C-alpha atoms as a PDB file:
ATOM      1  CA  UNK A   1       3.688  36.654  18.353  1.00  0.00           C
ATOM      2  CA  UNK A   2       7.367  36.591  19.410  1.00  0.00           C
ATOM      3  CA  UNK A   3       9.148  33.210  19.420  1.00  0.00           C
ATOM      4  CA  UNK A   4       8.784  31.156  22.597  1.00  0.00           C
ATOM      5  CA  UNK A   5      10.330  27.931  23.888  1.00  0.00           C
ATOM      6  CA  UNK A   6       9.288  24.942  21.837  1.00  0.00           C
ATOM      7  CA  UNK A   7       8.073  22.968  24.850  1.00  0.00           C
ATOM      8  CA  UNK A   8       5.736  25.844  25.690  1.00  0.00           C
ATOM      9  CA  UNK A   9       4.307  25.774  22.162  1.00  0.00           C
ATOM     10  CA  UNK A  10       3.657  22.041  22.480  1.00  0.00           C
ATOM     11  CA  UNK A  11       2.086  22.361  25.921  1.00  0.00           C
ATOM     12  CA  UNK A  12      -0.200  25.206  24.753  1.00  0.00           C
ATOM     13  CA  UNK A  13      -1.457  23.031  21.897  1.00  0.00           C
ATOM     14  CA  UNK A  14      -2.526  20.298  24.321  1.00  0.00           C
ATOM     15  CA  UNK A  15      -0.068  17.746  22.930  1.00  0.00           C
ATOM     16  CA  UNK A  16       1.549  17.099  26.324  1.00  0.00           C
ATOM     17  CA  UNK A  17       2.495  18.732  29.605  1.00  0.00           C
ATOM     18  CA  UNK A  18       5.592  20.953  29.642  1.00  0.00           C
ATOM     19  CA  UNK A  19       7.689  18.065  30.963  1.00  0.00           C
ATOM     20  CA  UNK A  20       6.092  15.648  28.495  1.00  0.00           C
ATOM     21  CA  UNK A  21       6.903  18.070  25.688  1.00  0.00           C
ATOM     22  CA  UNK A  22      10.544  18.103  26.767  1.00  0.00           C
ATOM     23  CA  UNK A  23      10.649  14.299  26.554  1.00  0.00           C
ATOM     24  CA  UNK A  24       9.175  14.431  23.027  1.00  0.00           C
ATOM     25  CA  UNK A  25      11.878  16.898  21.978  1.00  0.00           C
ATOM     26  CA  UNK A  26      14.680  14.856  23.512  1.00  0.00           C
ATOM     27  CA  UNK A  27      13.352  11.744  21.747  1.00  0.00           C
ATOM     28  CA  UNK A  28      13.636  13.460  18.362  1.00  0.00           C
ATOM     29  CA  UNK A  29       9.905  13.323  17.698  1.00  0.00           C
ATOM     30  CA  UNK A  30       9.497  17.073  17.161  1.00  0.00           C
ATOM     31  CA  UNK A  31      10.433  19.070  14.070  1.00  0.00           C
ATOM     32  CA  UNK A  32      10.277  22.765  13.226  1.00  0.00           C
ATOM     33  CA  UNK A  33       9.898  23.675   9.558  1.00  0.00           C
ATOM     34  CA  UNK A  34      10.926  20.162   8.587  1.00  0.00           C
ATOM     35  CA  UNK A  35      14.060  19.979  10.764  1.00  0.00           C
ATOM     36  CA  UNK A  36      14.187  17.628  13.754  1.00  0.00           C
ATOM     37  CA  UNK A  37      14.862  19.433  17.031  1.00  0.00           C
ATOM     38  CA  UNK A  38      16.454  17.736  20.033  1.00  0.00           C
ATOM     39  CA  UNK A  39      17.709  20.787  21.941  1.00  0.00           C
ATOM     40  CA  UNK A  40      15.594  22.025  24.849  1.00  0.00           C
ATOM     41  CA  UNK A  41      15.120  25.763  24.816  1.00  0.00           C
ATOM     42  CA  UNK A  42      14.789  25.978  21.030  1.00  0.00           C
ATOM     43  CA  UNK A  43      12.508  28.874  20.104  1.00  0.00           C
ATOM     44  CA  UNK A  44       9.575  28.721  17.674  1.00  0.00           C
ATOM     45  CA  UNK A  45       6.887  31.147  16.510  1.00  0.00           C
ATOM     46  CA  UNK A  46       3.534  29.303  16.518  1.00  0.00           C
ATOM     47  CA  UNK A  47       2.127  31.858  14.065  1.00  0.00           C
ATOM     48  CA  UNK A  48       4.879  31.404  11.485  1.00  0.00           C
ATOM     49  CA  UNK A  49       6.688  28.109  12.065  1.00  0.00           C
ATOM     50  CA  UNK A  50       5.377  24.653  11.179  1.00  0.00           C
ATOM     51  CA  UNK A  51       5.780  22.549  14.325  1.00  0.00           C
ATOM     52  CA  UNK A  52       5.169  18.802  13.935  1.00  0.00           C
ATOM     53  CA  UNK A  53       5.104  15.869  16.329  1.00  0.00           C
ATOM     54  CA  UNK A  54       5.662  12.477  14.707  1.00  0.00           C
ATOM     55  CA  UNK A  55       5.140  14.151  11.335  1.00  0.00           C
ATOM     56  CA  UNK A  56       1.758  15.675  12.221  1.00  0.00           C
ATOM     57  CA  UNK A  57       1.392  19.446  12.503  1.00  0.00           C
ATOM     58  CA  UNK A  58       0.150  20.751  15.832  1.00  0.00           C
ATOM     59  CA  UNK A  59      -2.728  23.208  15.982  1.00  0.00           C
ATOM     60  CA  UNK A  60      -2.986  26.207  18.303  1.00  0.00           C
ATOM     61  CA  UNK A  61      -6.107  26.156  20.491  1.00  0.00           C
ATOM     62  CA  UNK A  62      -7.416  29.356  18.879  1.00  0.00           C
ATOM     63  CA  UNK A  63      -6.584  28.326  15.312  1.00  0.00           C
ATOM     64  CA  UNK A  64      -9.244  27.531  12.740  1.00  0.00           C
ATOM     65  CA  UNK A  65      -9.421  23.913  11.623  1.00  0.00           C
ATOM     66  CA  UNK A  66      -9.739  22.726   8.042  1.00  0.00           C
ATOM     67  CA  UNK A  67     -10.297  19.031   7.363  1.00  0.00           C
ATOM     68  CA  UNK A  68     -10.778  17.120   4.117  1.00  0.00           C
ATOM     69  CA  UNK A  69     -12.912  14.002   4.552  1.00  0.00           C
ATOM     70  CA  UNK A  70     -13.596  11.293   1.968  1.00  0.00           C
ATOM     71  CA  UNK A  71     -17.247  10.683   2.774  1.00  0.00           C
ATOM     72  CA  UNK A  72     -18.474   7.118   2.248  1.00  0.00           C
ATOM     73  CA  UNK A  73     -22.012   6.442   1.020  1.00  0.00           C
ATOM     74  CA  UNK A  74     -24.569   5.930   3.757  1.00  0.00           C
ATOM     75  CA  UNK A  75     -23.296   8.686   6.062  1.00  0.00           C
ATOM     76  CA  UNK A  76     -25.262  11.850   6.853  1.00  0.00           C
ATOM     77  CA  UNK A  77     -23.780  15.348   7.050  1.00  0.00           C
ATOM     78  CA  UNK A  78     -26.411  16.408   9.571  1.00  0.00           C
ATOM     79  CA  UNK A  79     -25.913  16.042  13.339  1.00  0.00           C
ATOM     80  CA  UNK A  80     -29.491  15.119  14.208  1.00  0.00           C
ATOM     81  CA  UNK A  81     -31.170  12.021  12.836  1.00  0.00           C
ATOM     82  CA  UNK A  82     -34.048  10.375  14.701  1.00  0.00           C
ATOM     83  CA  UNK A  83     -33.346   7.123  12.843  1.00  0.00           C
ATOM     84  CA  UNK A  84     -29.849   6.898  14.291  1.00  0.00           C
ATOM     85  CA  UNK A  85     -28.063   6.542  10.954  1.00  0.00           C
ATOM     86  CA  UNK A  86     -24.261   7.016  10.842  1.00  0.00           C
ATOM     87  CA  UNK A  87     -22.921  10.571  10.532  1.00  0.00           C
ATOM     88  CA  UNK A  88     -19.712  11.891   9.000  1.00  0.00           C
ATOM     89  CA  UNK A  89     -18.718  13.109  12.459  1.00  0.00           C
ATOM     90  CA  UNK A  90     -18.450   9.456  13.515  1.00  0.00           C
ATOM     91  CA  UNK A  91     -15.400   9.241  11.227  1.00  0.00           C
ATOM     92  CA  UNK A  92     -13.268  11.921  12.922  1.00  0.00           C
ATOM     93  CA  UNK A  93     -11.786  12.196  16.442  1.00  0.00           C
ATOM     94  CA  UNK A  94     -13.741  14.010  19.149  1.00  0.00           C
ATOM     95  CA  UNK A  95     -12.054  17.443  18.791  1.00  0.00           C
ATOM     96  CA  UNK A  96     -13.118  17.583  15.133  1.00  0.00           C
ATOM     97  CA  UNK A  97     -16.770  16.775  15.853  1.00  0.00           C
ATOM     98  CA  UNK A  98     -17.201  20.454  16.752  1.00  0.00           C
ATOM     99  CA  UNK A  99     -16.611  21.426  13.136  1.00  0.00           C
ATOM    100  CA  UNK A 100     -19.361  21.889  10.553  1.00  0.00           C
ATOM    101  CA  UNK A 101     -19.546  20.707   6.973  1.00  0.00           C
ATOM    102  CA  UNK A 102     -19.163  23.192   4.133  1.00  0.00           C
ATOM    103  CA  UNK A 103     -22.309  22.409   2.194  1.00  0.00           C
ATOM    104  CA  UNK A 104     -23.797  18.947   2.214  1.00  0.00           C
ATOM    105  CA  UNK A 105     -23.692  15.671   0.379  1.00  0.00           C
ATOM    106  CA  UNK A 106     -26.737  13.413   0.186  1.00  0.00           C
ATOM    107  CA  UNK A 107     -26.647  10.286   2.325  1.00  0.00           C
ATOM    108  CA  UNK A 108     -26.001   8.061  -0.704  1.00  0.00           C
ATOM    109  CA  UNK A 109     -23.434  10.477  -2.203  1.00  0.00           C
ATOM    110  CA  UNK A 110     -19.717  10.182  -1.516  1.00  0.00           C
ATOM    111  CA  UNK A 111     -16.451  11.989  -2.002  1.00  0.00           C
ATOM    112  CA  UNK A 112     -14.934  15.296  -0.959  1.00  0.00           C
ATOM    113  CA  UNK A 113     -16.414  16.930   2.132  1.00  0.00           C
ATOM    114  CA  UNK A 114     -14.783  19.916   3.820  1.00  0.00           C
ATOM    115  CA  UNK A 115     -15.149  20.346   7.598  1.00  0.00           C
ATOM    116  CA  UNK A 116     -14.182  23.585   9.335  1.00  0.00           C
ATOM    117  CA  UNK A 117     -15.054  26.073  12.067  1.00  0.00           C
ATOM    118  CA  UNK A 118     -14.282  29.025   9.773  1.00  0.00           C
ATOM    119  CA  UNK A 119     -17.670  30.636   9.190  1.00  0.00           C
ATOM    120  CA  UNK A 120     -16.333  33.326   6.879  1.00  0.00           C
ATOM    121  CA  UNK A 121     -14.739  30.787   4.566  1.00  0.00           C
ATOM    122  CA  UNK A 122     -17.883  28.649   4.633  1.00  0.00           C
ATOM    123  CA  UNK A 123     -19.942  31.631   3.477  1.00  0.00           C
ATOM    124  CA  UNK A 124     -17.503  32.397   0.672  1.00  0.00           C
ATOM    125  CA  UNK A 125     -17.411  28.821  -0.583  1.00  0.00           C
ATOM    126  CA  UNK A 126     -21.174  28.226  -0.496  1.00  0.00           C
ATOM    127  CA  UNK A 127     -22.746  31.553  -1.478  1.00  0.00           C
ATOM    128  CA  UNK A 128     -23.895  31.599  -5.138  1.00  0.00           C
ATOM    129  CA  UNK A 129     -22.388  35.081  -5.539  1.00  0.00           C
ATOM    130  CA  UNK A 130     -18.891  33.602  -5.610  1.00  0.00           C
ATOM    131  CA  UNK A 131     -19.718  30.697  -7.915  1.00  0.00           C
ATOM    132  CA  UNK A 132     -17.045  28.383  -6.525  1.00  0.00           C
ATOM    133  CA  UNK A 133     -16.969  25.284  -8.730  1.00  0.00           C
ATOM    134  CA  UNK A 134     -17.890  21.813  -7.511  1.00  0.00           C
ATOM    135  CA  UNK A 135     -16.930  18.879  -9.715  1.00  0.00           C
ATOM    136  CA  UNK A 136     -18.814  15.581  -9.594  1.00  0.00           C
ATOM    137  CA  UNK A 137     -18.274  12.219 -11.228  1.00  0.00           C
ATOM    138  CA  UNK A 138     -21.720  10.777 -11.831  1.00  0.00           C
ATOM    139  CA  UNK A 139     -22.650   7.261 -12.862  1.00  0.00           C
ATOM    140  CA  UNK A 140     -25.906   7.367 -14.821  1.00  0.00           C
ATOM    141  CA  UNK A 141     -28.133   4.616 -16.197  1.00  0.00           C
ATOM    142  CA  UNK A 142     -27.342   5.157 -19.877  1.00  0.00           C
ATOM    143  CA  UNK A 143     -24.752   6.765 -22.109  1.00  0.00           C
ATOM    144  CA  UNK A 144     -25.892  10.371 -22.669  1.00  0.00           C
ATOM    145  CA  UNK A 145     -25.913  11.771 -26.176  1.00  0.00           C
ATOM    146  CA  UNK A 146     -24.013  14.961 -27.059  1.00  0.00           C
ATOM    147  CA  UNK A 147     -27.397  16.692 -27.194  1.00  0.00           C
ATOM    148  CA  UNK A 148     -28.156  15.599 -23.618  1.00  0.00           C
ATOM    149  CA  UNK A 149     -24.838  16.935 -22.333  1.00  0.00           C
ATOM    150  CA  UNK A 150     -25.405  20.173 -24.258  1.00  0.00           C
ATOM    151  CA  UNK A 151     -28.833  20.490 -22.610  1.00  0.00           C
ATOM    152  CA  UNK A 152     -27.215  20.218 -19.175  1.00  0.00           C
ATOM    153  CA  UNK A 153     -24.851  23.080 -20.042  1.00  0.00           C
ATOM    154  CA  UNK A 154     -27.591  25.131 -21.692  1.00  0.00           C
ATOM    155  CA  UNK A 155     -29.790  24.809 -18.636  1.00  0.00           C
ATOM    156  CA  UNK A 156     -33.110  23.385 -17.492  1.00  0.00           C
ATOM    157  CA  UNK A 157     -35.915  24.646 -15.295  1.00  0.00           C
ATOM    158  CA  UNK A 158     -36.170  23.044 -11.854  1.00  0.00           C
ATOM    159  CA  UNK A 159     -38.781  23.560  -9.134  1.00  0.00           C
ATOM    160  CA  UNK A 160     -36.641  26.324  -7.614  1.00  0.00           C
ATOM    161  CA  UNK A 161     -35.716  28.048 -10.868  1.00  0.00           C
ATOM    162  CA  UNK A 162     -33.316  27.710 -13.800  1.00  0.00           C
ATOM    163  CA  UNK A 163     -30.168  25.658 -13.291  1.00  0.00           C
ATOM    164  CA  UNK A 164     -27.334  24.417 -15.446  1.00  0.00           C
ATOM    165  CA  UNK A 165     -23.979  22.733 -15.353  1.00  0.00           C
ATOM    166  CA  UNK A 166     -20.978  24.936 -16.053  1.00  0.00           C
ATOM    167  CA  UNK A 167     -19.522  21.933 -17.830  1.00  0.00           C
ATOM    168  CA  UNK A 168     -20.800  18.463 -18.741  1.00  0.00           C
ATOM    169  CA  UNK A 169     -18.553  15.900 -20.380  1.00  0.00           C
ATOM    170  CA  UNK A 170     -18.482  12.132 -20.847  1.00  0.00           C
ATOM    171  CA  UNK A 171     -15.938  10.051 -18.943  1.00  0.00           C
ATOM    172  CA  UNK A 172     -16.539   6.541 -20.219  1.00  0.00           C
ATOM    173  CA  UNK A 173     -18.763   3.534 -20.058  1.00  0.00           C
ATOM    174  CA  UNK A 174     -19.868   1.552 -17.040  1.00  0.00           C
ATOM    175  CA  UNK A 175     -21.790  -1.684 -16.691  1.00  0.00           C
ATOM    176  CA  UNK A 176     -25.303  -0.839 -17.828  1.00  0.00           C
ATOM    177  CA  UNK A 177     -24.609   2.882 -17.978  1.00  0.00           C
ATOM    178  CA  UNK A 178     -21.905   5.526 -18.166  1.00  0.00           C
ATOM    179  CA  UNK A 179     -19.849   8.014 -16.151  1.00  0.00           C
ATOM    180  CA  UNK A 180     -20.097  11.747 -16.768  1.00  0.00           C
ATOM    181  CA  UNK A 181     -18.384  14.733 -15.145  1.00  0.00           C
ATOM    182  CA  UNK A 182     -20.492  17.711 -14.083  1.00  0.00           C
ATOM    183  CA  UNK A 183     -19.130  21.047 -12.884  1.00  0.00           C
ATOM    184  CA  UNK A 184     -21.624  23.178 -10.938  1.00  0.00           C
ATOM    185  CA  UNK A 185     -21.320  26.624  -9.400  1.00  0.00           C
ATOM    186  CA  UNK A 186     -24.190  26.380  -6.899  1.00  0.00           C
ATOM    187  CA  UNK A 187     -24.951  24.067  -4.028  1.00  0.00           C
ATOM    188  CA  UNK A 188     -28.705  23.540  -4.176  1.00  0.00           C
ATOM    189  CA  UNK A 189     -30.278  20.506  -2.537  1.00  0.00           C
ATOM    190  CA  UNK A 190     -30.049  17.384  -4.718  1.00  0.00           C
ATOM    191  CA  UNK A 191     -29.008  19.599  -7.642  1.00  0.00           C
ATOM    192  CA  UNK A 192     -27.001  16.974  -9.543  1.00  0.00           C
ATOM    193  CA  UNK A 193     -29.775  14.390  -9.320  1.00  0.00           C
ATOM    194  CA  UNK A 194     -32.442  16.912 -10.322  1.00  0.00           C
ATOM    195  CA  UNK A 195     -30.419  18.162 -13.291  1.00  0.00           C
ATOM    196  CA  UNK A 196     -29.892  14.626 -14.517  1.00  0.00           C
ATOM    197  CA  UNK A 197     -33.535  13.717 -14.003  1.00  0.00           C
ATOM    198  CA  UNK A 198     -34.601  16.756 -16.039  1.00  0.00           C
ATOM    199  CA  UNK A 199     -32.749  15.408 -19.096  1.00  0.00           C
ATOM    200  CA  UNK A 200     -33.862  11.802 -18.605  1.00  0.00           C
ATOM    201  CA  UNK A 201     -30.865  10.406 -16.742  1.00  0.00           C
ATOM    202  CA  UNK A 202     -31.062   8.421 -13.510  1.00  0.00           C
ATOM    203  CA  UNK A 203     -28.132   8.756 -11.085  1.00  0.00           C
ATOM    204  CA  UNK A 204     -26.687   5.481  -9.825  1.00  0.00           C
ATOM    205  CA  UNK A 205     -23.609   6.816  -8.072  1.00  0.00           C
ATOM    206  CA  UNK A 206     -22.488  10.343  -7.195  1.00  0.00           C
ATOM    207  CA  UNK A 207     -18.939  11.284  -6.150  1.00  0.00           C
ATOM    208  CA  UNK A 208     -17.717  14.839  -5.507  1.00  0.00           C
ATOM    209  CA  UNK A 209     -14.074  14.945  -6.597  1.00  0.00           C
ATOM    210  CA  UNK A 210     -13.301  18.662  -6.378  1.00  0.00           C
ATOM    211  CA  UNK A 211     -14.463  21.757  -4.491  1.00  0.00           C
ATOM    212  CA  UNK A 212     -12.878  24.926  -5.880  1.00  0.00           C
ATOM    213  CA  UNK A 213      -9.097  24.363  -5.931  1.00  0.00           C
ATOM    214  CA  UNK A 214      -9.311  21.419  -3.520  1.00  0.00           C
ATOM    215  CA  UNK A 215      -9.210  17.914  -4.997  1.00  0.00           C
ATOM    216  CA  UNK A 216     -10.052  14.576  -3.389  1.00  0.00           C
ATOM    217  CA  UNK A 217      -6.801  13.013  -4.546  1.00  0.00           C
ATOM    218  CA  UNK A 218      -5.984   9.521  -3.280  1.00  0.00           C
ATOM    219  CA  UNK A 219      -7.467   9.920   0.191  1.00  0.00           C
ATOM    220  CA  UNK A 220      -9.027   6.534   1.081  1.00  0.00           C
ATOM    221  CA  UNK A 221     -12.776   6.262   1.616  1.00  0.00           C
ATOM    222  CA  UNK A 222     -13.679   7.107   5.222  1.00  0.00           C
ATOM    223  CA  UNK A 223     -10.325   8.798   5.893  1.00  0.00           C
ATOM    224  CA  UNK A 224      -9.551  12.431   6.678  1.00  0.00           C
ATOM    225  CA  UNK A 225      -6.612  14.796   6.777  1.00  0.00           C
ATOM    226  CA  UNK A 226      -5.872  18.374   7.773  1.00  0.00           C
ATOM    227  CA  UNK A 227      -5.477  20.836   4.904  1.00  0.00           C
ATOM    228  CA  UNK A 228      -2.083  22.371   4.294  1.00  0.00           C
ATOM    229  CA  UNK A 229      -1.583  26.116   4.662  1.00  0.00           C
ATOM    230  CA  UNK A 230      -1.272  26.398   0.897  1.00  0.00           C
ATOM    231  CA  UNK A 231      -4.610  24.637   0.407  1.00  0.00           C
ATOM    232  CA  UNK A 232      -6.318  26.908   2.939  1.00  0.00           C
ATOM    233  CA  UNK A 233      -4.956  30.011   1.210  1.00  0.00           C
ATOM    234  CA  UNK A 234      -6.173  28.687  -2.146  1.00  0.00           C
ATOM    235  CA  UNK A 235      -9.669  28.156  -0.722  1.00  0.00           C
ATOM    236  CA  UNK A 236      -9.699  31.646   0.766  1.00  0.00           C
ATOM    237  CA  UNK A 237      -8.927  33.075  -2.678  1.00  0.00           C
ATOM    238  CA  UNK A 238     -11.384  30.861  -4.559  1.00  0.00           C
ATOM    239  CA  UNK A 239     -13.966  32.751  -6.568  1.00  0.00           C
ATOM    240  CA  UNK A 240     -15.572  31.003  -9.473  1.00  0.00           C
ATOM    241  CA  UNK A 241     -14.034  28.723 -12.113  1.00  0.00           C
ATOM    242  CA  UNK A 242     -11.806  31.176 -13.986  1.00  0.00           C
ATOM    243  CA  UNK A 243     -10.676  28.291 -16.144  1.00  0.00           C
ATOM    244  CA  UNK A 244     -11.791  24.727 -16.713  1.00  0.00           C
ATOM    245  CA  UNK A 245     -10.369  22.409 -14.034  1.00  0.00           C
ATOM    246  CA  UNK A 246      -7.728  19.903 -15.037  1.00  0.00           C
ATOM    247  CA  UNK A 247      -9.511  16.713 -16.210  1.00  0.00           C
ATOM    248  CA  UNK A 248      -9.680  14.061 -13.525  1.00  0.00           C
ATOM    249  CA  UNK A 249      -9.454  10.336 -14.081  1.00  0.00           C
ATOM    250  CA  UNK A 250     -12.936   8.774 -14.071  1.00  0.00           C
ATOM    251  CA  UNK A 251     -13.896   6.540 -11.203  1.00  0.00           C
ATOM    252  CA  UNK A 252     -14.771   2.957 -11.899  1.00  0.00           C
ATOM    253  CA  UNK A 253     -17.467   0.915 -10.252  1.00  0.00           C
END
């Protein structure tokens, strides 16, 4: 769309009224493409320019939302639970509760969870046809042998058919067990736990650290952030693990 006055862009996003937007600009709290703007009447293109208030990018009302959440254990990704257990949507502000999760994590699992209202992207990231990689750090009850890890990569037969890890590698010891890294290309229910159980391993802790090109990074447990435009573009282009992901530092209990 053609550039419009900056205060109109802010008002359309719901940040403030037109007059309130003018006060934000005059106070130096608004930037366009990284440059602070204090002049009323400055023009901006909401489709092309990055407009921020207090360092946080504004979002057009009709724009898709993409949120990375560090899910804590004990939270459900479903909206309906007759037992009244906590949900991941309790961790985000009200406008983001309208989003849906891209795939699920078990209640006791933790780590990277993507929330969005982009149905097309959700389909692309979760459909087995595209084989978008998910990387998990898994604490198991014993140190697996090389033969056990090879069996995970070779594949096992589960109740719903053959399954395998694209990659299985050791990460290091843990008290009374060990950490391993598993890379999967499907999102079946309880797949990590069932794979491990099939080769005689019991899962004690399960953390998703990567989904396609998106990594969990240093986001604190229970916190969330909006994805950058570059991250969204990378997700939109994601299609299978063309190369092994860069090794990630193992988590410690």
